[in-house]
Amino acid sequence: MPSTKQNRRTLSTGDRVALIAMMAAGAALAVWAVVAAIGRIVEVLSEEPVDVLAEFVDTPAAAPIGVNGAEVDVALDSAVLSVPDLPAVSVGAIVIQQVLMAVAVLIVVACLLLLARGVLRDSVFTRMNTALVTTAGITALVGAAAYPFFGNMAANGAFAAVSDSTFDSVVMTIDLGTLLALAFVAALASTVFTVGERLQRETEGLV
């Protein structure tokens, strides 16, 4: 009777090269995320003024885009505020935002690297791989929600600092469409691996 391992379809050379290239790109992405987070934290803690991205809603502004640089009224959607005395709460929010971003990227990349390693070893639908896919999906979803949340906290403090708490046109910029798409992809991937794992166990039981 042939062994289960012999019955598994192995990856082609091209597939293996593509997976290894993706693993290298994932590792580079993880390094970039950590470096970018550290750089932003150092900037916030040591430089003045601090640049903070802020979102606006129904806020008029004048932009020099008319004839010969004449100012034209526009609707301000987002802008970078340079705040000389950013409140400690906003500084803390930015630090937490960057740490969470780096941790989320590291977890997702680590899960996908372990998954790719399993695939390279011709082991796809396993309990471990299902757990890795589920963990990566949940982490990406939480990160996508937490990143703008703490960004909004930082923007609130920036608005308060530059306007002496007289400007209150602050919006919560969490893209529900993106969150729903991530949730769908995460659930779909987890379901596919769960079903694949069950079918593989049933198939192995018949061999």
Protein backbone atom coordinates (compact mmCIF):
# COMPACT_ATOMS: atom_id res chain seq x y z
CA MET A 1 0.00 0.00 0.00
CA PRO A 2 1.54 3.39 -1.01
CA SER A 3 2.22 5.81 1.79
CA THR A 4 0.24 8.99 2.26
CA LYS A 5 3.30 11.12 1.60
CA GLN A 6 3.83 9.43 -1.74
CA ASN A 7 0.24 10.22 -2.69
CA ARG A 8 0.69 13.95 -2.11
CA ARG A 9 1.37 16.10 -5.13
CA THR A 10 4.72 17.84 -4.77
CA LEU A 11 5.35 21.41 -5.85
CA SER A 12 7.03 22.16 -9.14
CA THR A 13 10.38 23.92 -9.23
CA GLY A 14 8.70 27.13 -10.38
CA ASP A 15 6.24 27.00 -7.49
CA ARG A 16 9.04 26.50 -5.00
CA VAL A 17 11.02 29.42 -6.42
CA ALA A 18 7.93 31.64 -6.25
CA LEU A 19 7.25 30.63 -2.65
CA ILE A 20 10.85 31.26 -1.61
CA ALA A 21 10.73 34.68 -3.30
CA MET A 22 7.52 35.50 -1.44
CA MET A 23 9.11 34.41 1.83
CA ALA A 24 12.05 36.72 1.18
CA ALA A 25 9.67 39.59 0.37
CA GLY A 26 7.73 38.88 3.56
CA ALA A 27 10.90 38.95 5.65
CA ALA A 28 11.88 42.26 4.03
CA LEU A 29 8.42 43.66 4.79
CA ALA A 30 8.75 42.67 8.44
CA VAL A 31 12.13 44.41 8.69
CA TRP A 32 10.74 47.52 7.00
CA ALA A 33 7.76 47.63 9.39
CA VAL A 34 10.00 47.48 12.45
CA VAL A 35 12.42 50.10 11.11
CA ALA A 36 9.58 52.42 10.11
CA ALA A 37 7.90 52.06 13.50
CA ILE A 38 11.13 52.75 15.38
CA GLY A 39 11.85 55.76 13.18
CA ARG A 40 8.41 57.22 13.75
CA ILE A 41 8.60 56.68 17.51
CA VAL A 42 12.03 58.33 17.70
CA GLU A 43 10.72 61.24 15.62
CA VAL A 44 7.70 61.76 17.88
CA LEU A 45 9.70 61.53 21.10
CA SER A 46 12.63 63.69 20.06
CA GLU A 47 11.58 66.23 17.42
CA GLU A 48 9.54 69.42 17.53
CA PRO A 49 7.13 70.10 15.95
CA VAL A 50 5.50 66.71 15.43
CA ASP A 51 3.71 65.99 12.15
CA VAL A 52 0.30 64.38 12.68
CA LEU A 53 -2.07 63.26 9.94
CA ALA A 54 -5.57 64.65 10.57
CA GLU A 55 -8.85 63.96 8.79
CA PHE A 56 -11.49 66.63 8.19
CA VAL A 57 -15.15 66.67 7.22
CA ASP A 58 -17.02 69.57 5.60
CA THR A 59 -14.10 71.88 6.36
CA PRO A 60 -13.48 74.73 3.88
CA ALA A 61 -9.96 75.84 3.06
CA ALA A 62 -8.18 78.07 0.56
CA ALA A 63 -5.64 76.60 -1.85
CA PRO A 64 -3.41 78.59 -4.27
CA ILE A 65 -4.57 76.70 -7.37
CA GLY A 66 -6.27 79.54 -9.26
CA VAL A 67 -4.92 81.80 -12.00
CA ASN A 68 -1.41 82.96 -11.11
CA GLY A 69 -1.66 81.24 -7.76
CA ALA A 70 -4.92 82.82 -6.70
CA GLU A 71 -6.59 81.15 -3.76
CA VAL A 72 -9.60 78.95 -4.47
CA ASP A 73 -11.97 77.54 -1.87
CA VAL A 74 -11.72 73.77 -1.54
CA ALA A 75 -13.12 71.13 0.79
CA LEU A 76 -10.36 69.91 3.09
CA ASP A 77 -10.29 66.14 3.40
CA SER A 78 -6.99 65.50 5.20
CA ALA A 79 -3.87 67.41 6.15
CA VAL A 80 -0.66 67.06 8.09
CA LEU A 81 -0.58 69.23 11.20
CA SER A 82 2.81 70.34 12.54
CA VAL A 83 2.22 70.59 16.28
CA PRO A 84 4.96 72.11 18.48
CA ASP A 85 3.53 70.95 21.81
CA LEU A 86 1.72 67.72 21.12
CA PRO A 87 -0.14 66.48 24.23
CA ALA A 88 1.31 63.47 26.00
CA VAL A 89 -1.86 61.48 25.28
CA SER A 90 -1.37 61.98 21.55
CA VAL A 91 2.30 61.09 21.78
CA GLY A 92 1.37 57.91 23.62
CA ALA A 93 -1.28 57.11 21.01
CA ILE A 94 1.26 57.41 18.20
CA VAL A 95 3.75 55.22 20.05
CA ILE A 96 1.09 52.57 20.67
CA GLN A 97 -0.06 52.84 17.06
CA GLN A 98 3.44 52.21 15.74
CA VAL A 99 4.13 49.34 18.15
CA LEU A 100 0.85 47.65 17.26
CA MET A 101 1.53 48.09 13.56
CA ALA A 102 4.97 46.51 13.82
CA VAL A 103 3.72 43.65 16.00
CA ALA A 104 0.79 42.96 13.68
CA VAL A 105 3.03 42.86 10.62
CA LEU A 106 5.52 40.60 12.39
CA ILE A 107 2.79 38.17 13.46
CA VAL A 108 1.18 38.04 10.02
CA VAL A 109 4.50 37.62 8.24
CA ALA A 110 5.67 34.97 10.73
CA CYS A 111 2.45 32.99 10.24
CA LEU A 112 2.71 33.18 6.46
CA LEU A 113 6.40 32.24 6.51
CA LEU A 114 5.63 29.16 8.61
CA LEU A 115 2.75 28.34 6.28
CA ALA A 116 4.99 28.67 3.23
CA ARG A 117 7.61 26.46 4.87
CA GLY A 118 4.96 23.81 5.42
CA VAL A 119 3.86 24.03 1.80
CA LEU A 120 7.46 23.67 0.66
CA ARG A 121 7.53 20.45 2.66
CA ASP A 122 4.40 19.28 0.79
CA SER A 123 2.29 19.71 3.90
CA VAL A 124 -0.64 22.01 3.15
CA PHE A 125 -3.88 21.10 4.91
CA THR A 126 -2.78 20.47 8.46
CA ARG A 127 -4.05 21.60 11.83
CA MET A 128 -1.00 23.79 12.27
CA ASN A 129 -1.48 25.51 8.91
CA THR A 130 -5.15 26.10 9.66
CA ALA A 131 -4.17 27.75 12.95
CA LEU A 132 -1.55 29.87 11.16
CA VAL A 133 -4.02 31.10 8.55
CA THR A 134 -6.63 31.89 11.20
CA THR A 135 -4.10 33.73 13.38
CA ALA A 136 -2.82 35.78 10.45
CA GLY A 137 -6.36 36.75 9.43
CA ILE A 138 -7.45 37.78 12.91
CA THR A 139 -4.23 39.73 13.49
CA ALA A 140 -4.59 41.60 10.19
CA LEU A 141 -8.19 42.46 11.04
CA VAL A 142 -7.33 43.73 14.52
CA GLY A 143 -4.37 45.70 13.18
CA ALA A 144 -6.47 47.33 10.45
CA ALA A 145 -8.94 48.51 13.09
CA ALA A 146 -6.44 49.54 15.77
CA TYR A 147 -4.08 51.55 13.52
CA PRO A 148 -6.57 54.27 12.49
CA PHE A 149 -8.16 54.24 15.95
CA PHE A 150 -4.95 55.36 17.64
CA GLY A 151 -4.26 57.69 14.72
CA ASN A 152 -7.58 59.39 15.47
CA MET A 153 -6.57 59.73 19.13
CA ALA A 154 -3.36 61.46 18.08
CA ALA A 155 -5.27 63.75 15.71
CA ASN A 156 -7.70 64.73 18.48
CA GLY A 157 -4.81 65.94 20.63
CA ALA A 158 -3.23 67.74 17.68
CA PHE A 159 -6.48 69.60 16.95
CA ALA A 160 -6.80 70.55 20.61
CA ALA A 161 -3.23 71.83 20.72
CA VAL A 162 -3.37 73.99 17.59
CA SER A 163 -6.89 75.37 18.19
CA ASP A 164 -6.89 75.60 21.98
CA SER A 165 -9.74 73.08 21.98
CA THR A 166 -11.99 75.32 19.85
CA PHE A 167 -12.02 73.11 16.73
CA ASP A 168 -14.10 69.96 17.02
CA SER A 169 -14.51 68.73 13.44
CA VAL A 170 -12.83 65.42 14.17
CA VAL A 171 -13.88 62.23 12.39
CA MET A 172 -13.23 58.59 13.15
CA THR A 173 -11.51 57.31 10.03
CA ILE A 174 -11.95 53.56 10.20
CA ASP A 175 -12.69 52.13 6.77
CA LEU A 176 -15.52 49.68 7.36
CA GLY A 177 -15.27 48.44 3.78
CA THR A 178 -11.66 47.41 4.30
CA LEU A 179 -12.47 45.76 7.62
CA LEU A 180 -15.35 43.80 6.11
CA ALA A 181 -13.18 42.71 3.19
CA LEU A 182 -10.42 41.57 5.55
CA ALA A 183 -12.93 39.76 7.73
CA PHE A 184 -14.36 37.97 4.68
CA VAL A 185 -10.93 36.96 3.36
CA ALA A 186 -9.83 35.76 6.81
CA ALA A 187 -13.00 33.73 7.31
CA LEU A 188 -12.80 32.29 3.81
CA ALA A 189 -9.16 31.26 4.16
CA SER A 190 -9.79 29.70 7.57
CA THR A 191 -12.80 27.81 6.23
CA VAL A 192 -10.91 26.55 3.19
CA PHE A 193 -8.06 25.22 5.31
CA THR A 194 -10.44 23.71 7.86
CA VAL A 195 -12.39 21.87 5.15
CA GLY A 196 -9.18 20.88 3.36
CA GLU A 197 -7.74 19.50 6.58
CA ARG A 198 -10.89 17.44 7.21
CA LEU A 199 -11.00 16.10 3.65
CA GLN A 200 -7.32 15.17 3.81
CA ARG A 201 -7.85 13.24 7.06
CA GLU A 202 -10.76 11.40 5.51
CA THR A 203 -8.72 10.64 2.39
CA GLU A 204 -5.79 9.36 4.45
CA GLY A 205 -8.18 7.14 6.34
CA LEU A 206 -9.21 5.49 3.07
CA VAL A 207 -5.65 4.83 1.91
